[in-house]
Amino acid sequence: MFVTGQSNRDFLTVKYSQLTGVNINVSNIPVKYNLSQNYPNPFNPNTNLEFGISKLGFVSLKVYDVLGNEIKTLVNENKPAGNYTIEFDARDARQGSNLPSRIYFYTLLIDGNLIDTKIMILLK
């Protein structure tokens, strides 16, 4: 579309056009918070943890043993809306010591609110 105008002895023409080649995909932003089941499960020694957040928030993703002892903090920071995948390595969970085979839990908190807790199994 062209728009032309005149002021005193000056003429100006402006061309307006739509952007091309830009795809804005809002479907990648979750409509609600979610925590997915890890994969693979059972795992040895690595597994992936996925979560989605619908708006900017302080995210905490932690791994615990069956007694409730914190094993590893995977995320502890502000994150924008989106989907995330975090790799958990059982060999690197406790300052270089390998974790034993057993059941572990991982918990997602957003702005201090519990979103979900899931179970994962380390099997050597």
N, C-alpha and C. Protein backbone atom coordinates (compact mmCIF):
# COMPACT_ATOMS: atom_id res chain seq x y z
N MET A 1 0.85 -1.17 0.00
CA MET A 1 0.00 0.00 0.00
C MET A 1 0.90 1.23 0.00
N PHE A 2 0.55 2.20 -0.81
CA PHE A 2 1.29 3.46 -0.89
C PHE A 2 0.41 4.60 -0.39
N VAL A 3 1.02 5.50 0.37
CA VAL A 3 0.33 6.70 0.82
C VAL A 3 1.16 7.89 0.37
N THR A 4 0.53 8.83 -0.34
CA THR A 4 1.24 10.00 -0.85
C THR A 4 0.58 11.25 -0.30
N GLY A 5 1.44 12.21 0.05
CA GLY A 5 0.92 13.47 0.56
C GLY A 5 1.77 14.63 0.09
N GLN A 6 1.23 15.86 0.23
CA GLN A 6 1.92 17.06 -0.20
C GLN A 6 1.84 18.10 0.89
N SER A 7 2.95 18.83 1.08
CA SER A 7 2.99 19.94 2.01
C SER A 7 3.80 21.05 1.35
N ASN A 8 3.18 22.20 1.14
CA ASN A 8 3.80 23.28 0.36
C ASN A 8 4.32 22.73 -0.96
N ARG A 9 5.62 22.72 -1.17
CA ARG A 9 6.17 22.23 -2.43
C ARG A 9 6.78 20.83 -2.29
N ASP A 10 6.65 20.19 -1.14
CA ASP A 10 7.25 18.88 -0.92
C ASP A 10 6.21 17.77 -1.09
N PHE A 11 6.65 16.68 -1.67
CA PHE A 11 5.84 15.48 -1.81
C PHE A 11 6.48 14.34 -1.02
N LEU A 12 5.65 13.49 -0.45
CA LEU A 12 6.15 12.34 0.29
C LEU A 12 5.29 11.14 -0.04
N THR A 13 5.96 10.02 -0.34
CA THR A 13 5.27 8.76 -0.58
C THR A 13 5.84 7.73 0.39
N VAL A 14 4.94 7.02 1.07
CA VAL A 14 5.34 5.99 2.04
C VAL A 14 4.75 4.67 1.58
N LYS A 15 5.61 3.63 1.58
CA LYS A 15 5.15 2.30 1.19
C LYS A 15 5.00 1.46 2.46
N TYR A 16 3.81 0.88 2.65
CA TYR A 16 3.54 -0.03 3.76
C TYR A 16 3.44 -1.44 3.20
N SER A 17 4.09 -2.40 3.90
CA SER A 17 3.97 -3.80 3.47
C SER A 17 3.98 -4.70 4.70
N GLN A 18 3.43 -5.89 4.51
CA GLN A 18 3.41 -6.86 5.61
C GLN A 18 4.77 -7.53 5.69
N LEU A 19 5.12 -7.95 6.92
CA LEU A 19 6.34 -8.72 7.10
C LEU A 19 6.19 -10.08 6.45
N THR A 20 7.24 -10.54 5.84
CA THR A 20 7.23 -11.88 5.28
C THR A 20 8.41 -12.64 5.85
N GLY A 21 8.26 -13.94 5.95
CA GLY A 21 9.35 -14.76 6.47
C GLY A 21 9.44 -14.79 7.98
N VAL A 22 8.50 -14.17 8.68
CA VAL A 22 8.51 -14.18 10.13
C VAL A 22 7.32 -15.00 10.61
N ASN A 23 7.60 -16.04 11.34
CA ASN A 23 6.54 -16.89 11.89
C ASN A 23 6.54 -16.74 13.40
N ILE A 24 5.50 -16.17 13.93
CA ILE A 24 5.35 -16.05 15.37
C ILE A 24 4.48 -17.20 15.83
N ASN A 25 5.04 -18.06 16.66
CA ASN A 25 4.34 -19.25 17.10
C ASN A 25 4.04 -19.15 18.59
N VAL A 26 2.84 -18.71 18.92
CA VAL A 26 2.47 -18.57 20.32
C VAL A 26 2.04 -19.90 20.92
N SER A 27 1.91 -20.93 20.08
CA SER A 27 1.50 -22.23 20.61
C SER A 27 2.61 -22.89 21.41
N ASN A 28 3.85 -22.39 21.32
CA ASN A 28 4.95 -22.95 22.10
C ASN A 28 4.90 -22.52 23.56
N ILE A 29 4.10 -21.54 23.88
CA ILE A 29 3.99 -21.09 25.26
C ILE A 29 2.82 -21.83 25.91
N PRO A 30 3.10 -22.58 26.98
CA PRO A 30 2.03 -23.34 27.63
C PRO A 30 0.95 -22.43 28.19
N VAL A 31 -0.28 -22.93 28.22
CA VAL A 31 -1.38 -22.16 28.80
C VAL A 31 -1.42 -22.32 30.32
N LYS A 32 -0.77 -23.37 30.84
CA LYS A 32 -0.67 -23.54 32.29
C LYS A 32 0.67 -24.19 32.61
N TYR A 33 1.03 -24.16 33.88
CA TYR A 33 2.27 -24.78 34.32
C TYR A 33 2.15 -26.29 34.22
N ASN A 34 3.26 -26.96 33.86
CA ASN A 34 3.22 -28.42 33.82
C ASN A 34 4.60 -29.01 34.06
N LEU A 35 4.62 -30.19 34.60
CA LEU A 35 5.83 -30.97 34.82
C LEU A 35 5.59 -32.33 34.20
N SER A 36 6.42 -32.73 33.25
CA SER A 36 6.24 -34.00 32.55
C SER A 36 7.03 -35.11 33.25
N GLN A 37 6.66 -36.34 32.93
CA GLN A 37 7.40 -37.49 33.43
C GLN A 37 8.77 -37.52 32.75
N ASN A 38 9.80 -37.82 33.55
CA ASN A 38 11.15 -37.87 32.99
C ASN A 38 11.27 -38.99 31.95
N TYR A 39 12.24 -38.85 31.08
CA TYR A 39 12.50 -39.90 30.09
C TYR A 39 13.99 -39.98 29.84
N PRO A 40 14.57 -41.13 29.70
CA PRO A 40 13.93 -42.42 29.95
C PRO A 40 13.69 -42.63 31.43
N ASN A 41 12.82 -43.54 31.76
CA ASN A 41 12.53 -43.89 33.14
C ASN A 41 12.11 -45.36 33.17
N PRO A 42 12.87 -46.22 33.82
CA PRO A 42 14.09 -46.00 34.60
C PRO A 42 15.23 -45.48 33.73
N PHE A 43 16.24 -44.90 34.41
CA PHE A 43 17.36 -44.31 33.70
C PHE A 43 18.69 -44.75 34.32
N ASN A 44 19.75 -44.60 33.53
CA ASN A 44 21.11 -44.86 34.00
C ASN A 44 22.09 -44.31 32.98
N PRO A 45 22.87 -43.34 33.28
CA PRO A 45 22.85 -42.47 34.45
C PRO A 45 22.14 -41.15 34.18
N ASN A 46 21.69 -40.90 32.91
CA ASN A 46 21.08 -39.61 32.57
C ASN A 46 19.60 -39.75 32.26
N THR A 47 18.85 -38.69 32.58
CA THR A 47 17.45 -38.61 32.20
C THR A 47 17.11 -37.16 31.94
N ASN A 48 16.02 -36.92 31.21
CA ASN A 48 15.57 -35.57 30.89
C ASN A 48 14.30 -35.24 31.66
N LEU A 49 14.28 -34.04 32.21
CA LEU A 49 13.11 -33.54 32.93
C LEU A 49 12.58 -32.35 32.13
N GLU A 50 11.29 -32.39 31.83
CA GLU A 50 10.67 -31.31 31.05
C GLU A 50 9.59 -30.61 31.87
N PHE A 51 9.53 -29.28 31.70
CA PHE A 51 8.46 -28.52 32.34
C PHE A 51 8.11 -27.34 31.46
N GLY A 52 6.91 -26.82 31.66
CA GLY A 52 6.45 -25.65 30.93
C GLY A 52 5.88 -24.63 31.89
N ILE A 53 6.17 -23.35 31.61
CA ILE A 53 5.60 -22.28 32.44
C ILE A 53 4.90 -21.29 31.52
N SER A 54 3.77 -20.78 32.00
CA SER A 54 2.91 -19.94 31.16
C SER A 54 3.23 -18.45 31.25
N LYS A 55 4.03 -18.06 32.24
CA LYS A 55 4.44 -16.65 32.35
C LYS A 55 5.74 -16.57 33.14
N LEU A 56 6.37 -15.43 33.09
CA LEU A 56 7.62 -15.21 33.81
C LEU A 56 7.43 -15.54 35.28
N GLY A 57 8.37 -16.29 35.83
CA GLY A 57 8.27 -16.65 37.24
C GLY A 57 9.58 -17.21 37.77
N PHE A 58 9.70 -17.27 39.09
CA PHE A 58 10.88 -17.86 39.70
C PHE A 58 10.68 -19.36 39.77
N VAL A 59 11.54 -20.09 39.06
CA VAL A 59 11.41 -21.53 38.90
C VAL A 59 12.42 -22.25 39.79
N SER A 60 11.93 -23.26 40.50
CA SER A 60 12.79 -24.13 41.29
C SER A 60 12.48 -25.57 40.91
N LEU A 61 13.50 -26.28 40.44
CA LEU A 61 13.36 -27.69 40.08
C LEU A 61 14.45 -28.44 40.85
N LYS A 62 14.02 -29.32 41.76
CA LYS A 62 14.96 -30.02 42.64
C LYS A 62 14.69 -31.51 42.65
N VAL A 63 15.75 -32.26 42.93
CA VAL A 63 15.68 -33.72 43.04
C VAL A 63 15.87 -34.09 44.50
N TYR A 64 15.05 -35.04 44.98
CA TYR A 64 15.09 -35.49 46.37
C TYR A 64 15.18 -37.01 46.43
N ASP A 65 15.73 -37.51 47.55
CA ASP A 65 15.70 -38.96 47.77
C ASP A 65 14.41 -39.32 48.49
N VAL A 66 14.23 -40.61 48.80
CA VAL A 66 12.98 -41.06 49.41
C VAL A 66 12.79 -40.55 50.84
N LEU A 67 13.87 -40.09 51.47
CA LEU A 67 13.77 -39.53 52.82
C LEU A 67 13.50 -38.03 52.81
N GLY A 68 13.44 -37.44 51.61
CA GLY A 68 13.18 -36.01 51.50
C GLY A 68 14.43 -35.16 51.51
N ASN A 69 15.61 -35.78 51.47
CA ASN A 69 16.86 -35.03 51.41
C ASN A 69 17.08 -34.50 50.00
N GLU A 70 17.43 -33.22 49.92
CA GLU A 70 17.69 -32.62 48.62
C GLU A 70 18.97 -33.21 48.04
N ILE A 71 18.88 -33.72 46.82
CA ILE A 71 20.02 -34.31 46.13
C ILE A 71 20.69 -33.30 45.22
N LYS A 72 19.88 -32.56 44.45
CA LYS A 72 20.44 -31.61 43.49
C LYS A 72 19.41 -30.56 43.13
N THR A 73 19.86 -29.31 43.02
CA THR A 73 19.04 -28.22 42.50
C THR A 73 19.38 -28.08 41.03
N LEU A 74 18.41 -28.29 40.17
CA LEU A 74 18.63 -28.21 38.73
C LEU A 74 18.34 -26.83 38.16
N VAL A 75 17.33 -26.16 38.71
CA VAL A 75 16.97 -24.81 38.30
C VAL A 75 16.59 -24.04 39.55
N ASN A 76 17.06 -22.80 39.63
CA ASN A 76 16.70 -21.94 40.76
C ASN A 76 16.86 -20.48 40.33
N GLU A 77 15.98 -20.05 39.39
CA GLU A 77 16.12 -18.72 38.81
C GLU A 77 14.83 -18.30 38.12
N ASN A 78 14.75 -17.02 37.77
CA ASN A 78 13.63 -16.51 36.99
C ASN A 78 13.74 -17.05 35.57
N LYS A 79 12.61 -17.48 35.04
CA LYS A 79 12.54 -18.00 33.67
C LYS A 79 11.35 -17.37 32.97
N PRO A 80 11.50 -17.01 31.69
CA PRO A 80 10.35 -16.52 30.93
C PRO A 80 9.44 -17.67 30.54
N ALA A 81 8.25 -17.35 30.10
CA ALA A 81 7.29 -18.37 29.67
C ALA A 81 7.91 -19.21 28.56
N GLY A 82 7.62 -20.51 28.62
CA GLY A 82 8.13 -21.41 27.59
C GLY A 82 8.24 -22.83 28.11
N ASN A 83 8.78 -23.69 27.26
CA ASN A 83 9.01 -25.09 27.59
C ASN A 83 10.50 -25.33 27.77
N TYR A 84 10.85 -26.13 28.74
CA TYR A 84 12.25 -26.36 29.08
C TYR A 84 12.53 -27.84 29.25
N THR A 85 13.75 -28.25 28.90
CA THR A 85 14.24 -29.60 29.13
C THR A 85 15.56 -29.49 29.87
N ILE A 86 15.65 -30.18 30.99
CA ILE A 86 16.86 -30.17 31.82
C ILE A 86 17.36 -31.60 31.92
N GLU A 87 18.65 -31.79 31.72
CA GLU A 87 19.23 -33.12 31.86
C GLU A 87 19.72 -33.32 33.29
N PHE A 88 19.36 -34.45 33.87
CA PHE A 88 19.84 -34.83 35.20
C PHE A 88 20.82 -35.97 35.04
N ASP A 89 22.03 -35.79 35.57
CA ASP A 89 23.08 -36.79 35.51
C ASP A 89 23.33 -37.32 36.91
N ALA A 90 23.01 -38.58 37.15
CA ALA A 90 23.15 -39.18 38.48
C ALA A 90 24.61 -39.29 38.91
N ARG A 91 25.55 -39.23 37.95
CA ARG A 91 26.98 -39.30 38.30
C ARG A 91 27.47 -37.99 38.89
N ASP A 92 26.77 -36.90 38.61
CA ASP A 92 27.22 -35.58 39.01
C ASP A 92 26.29 -34.95 40.06
N ALA A 93 25.50 -35.76 40.70
CA ALA A 93 24.46 -35.22 41.58
C ALA A 93 25.00 -34.74 42.92
N ARG A 94 25.96 -35.43 43.47
CA ARG A 94 26.47 -35.08 44.80
C ARG A 94 27.97 -34.87 44.77
N GLN A 95 28.38 -33.75 44.23
CA GLN A 95 29.80 -33.39 44.18
C GLN A 95 30.67 -34.55 43.71
N GLY A 96 30.28 -35.11 42.57
CA GLY A 96 31.10 -36.14 41.95
C GLY A 96 30.83 -37.56 42.39
N SER A 97 30.00 -37.77 43.41
CA SER A 97 29.73 -39.15 43.83
C SER A 97 28.52 -39.69 43.09
N ASN A 98 28.60 -40.96 42.72
CA ASN A 98 27.48 -41.59 42.02
C ASN A 98 26.33 -41.87 42.97
N LEU A 99 25.13 -41.68 42.50
CA LEU A 99 23.95 -42.01 43.30
C LEU A 99 23.67 -43.50 43.20
N PRO A 100 23.16 -44.09 44.27
CA PRO A 100 22.81 -45.52 44.21
C PRO A 100 21.48 -45.73 43.48
N SER A 101 21.28 -46.95 43.02
CA SER A 101 20.00 -47.32 42.40
C SER A 101 18.90 -47.20 43.43
N ARG A 102 17.87 -46.46 43.10
CA ARG A 102 16.68 -46.33 43.96
C ARG A 102 15.69 -45.36 43.35
N ILE A 103 14.63 -45.10 44.05
CA ILE A 103 13.60 -44.16 43.62
C ILE A 103 14.00 -42.76 44.08
N TYR A 104 13.79 -41.79 43.20
CA TYR A 104 14.02 -40.38 43.52
C TYR A 104 12.78 -39.59 43.10
N PHE A 105 12.65 -38.41 43.66
CA PHE A 105 11.54 -37.51 43.35
C PHE A 105 12.09 -36.22 42.77
N TYR A 106 11.34 -35.59 41.88
CA TYR A 106 11.70 -34.25 41.43
C TYR A 106 10.46 -33.37 41.53
N THR A 107 10.69 -32.14 41.98
CA THR A 107 9.61 -31.23 42.32
C THR A 107 9.79 -29.90 41.60
N LEU A 108 8.70 -29.38 41.05
CA LEU A 108 8.70 -28.08 40.38
C LEU A 108 7.90 -27.09 41.22
N LEU A 109 8.54 -25.98 41.57
CA LEU A 109 7.87 -24.86 42.24
C LEU A 109 8.00 -23.63 41.36
N ILE A 110 6.91 -22.86 41.25
CA ILE A 110 6.92 -21.60 40.53
C ILE A 110 6.50 -20.52 41.52
N ASP A 111 7.35 -19.52 41.70
CA ASP A 111 7.10 -18.44 42.65
C ASP A 111 6.74 -18.98 44.03
N GLY A 112 7.38 -20.09 44.42
CA GLY A 112 7.18 -20.68 45.74
C GLY A 112 5.96 -21.58 45.84
N ASN A 113 5.19 -21.71 44.77
CA ASN A 113 3.99 -22.56 44.78
C ASN A 113 4.30 -23.91 44.15
N LEU A 114 3.95 -24.97 44.85
CA LEU A 114 4.17 -26.32 44.35
C LEU A 114 3.31 -26.57 43.11
N ILE A 115 3.94 -26.97 42.02
CA ILE A 115 3.22 -27.27 40.79
C ILE A 115 2.99 -28.77 40.69
N ASP A 116 4.07 -29.56 40.90
CA ASP A 116 3.92 -31.00 40.79
C ASP A 116 5.19 -31.69 41.29
N THR A 117 5.04 -32.97 41.65
CA THR A 117 6.15 -33.83 42.02
C THR A 117 5.99 -35.13 41.26
N LYS A 118 7.08 -35.63 40.71
CA LYS A 118 7.07 -36.88 39.95
C LYS A 118 8.14 -37.82 40.52
N ILE A 119 7.98 -39.09 40.19
CA ILE A 119 8.91 -40.14 40.63
C ILE A 119 9.77 -40.58 39.46
N MET A 120 11.07 -40.80 39.74
CA MET A 120 11.96 -41.36 38.72
C MET A 120 12.79 -42.46 39.37
N ILE A 121 13.23 -43.42 38.57
CA ILE A 121 13.94 -44.58 39.08
C ILE A 121 15.32 -44.67 38.44
N LEU A 122 16.34 -44.64 39.29
CA LEU A 122 17.71 -44.87 38.83
C LEU A 122 17.99 -46.35 38.98
N LEU A 123 18.30 -47.01 37.87
CA LEU A 123 18.51 -48.45 37.85
C LEU A 123 19.84 -48.74 37.18
N LYS A 124 20.77 -49.25 37.98
CA LYS A 124 22.12 -49.54 37.44
C LYS A 124 22.26 -50.99 37.10
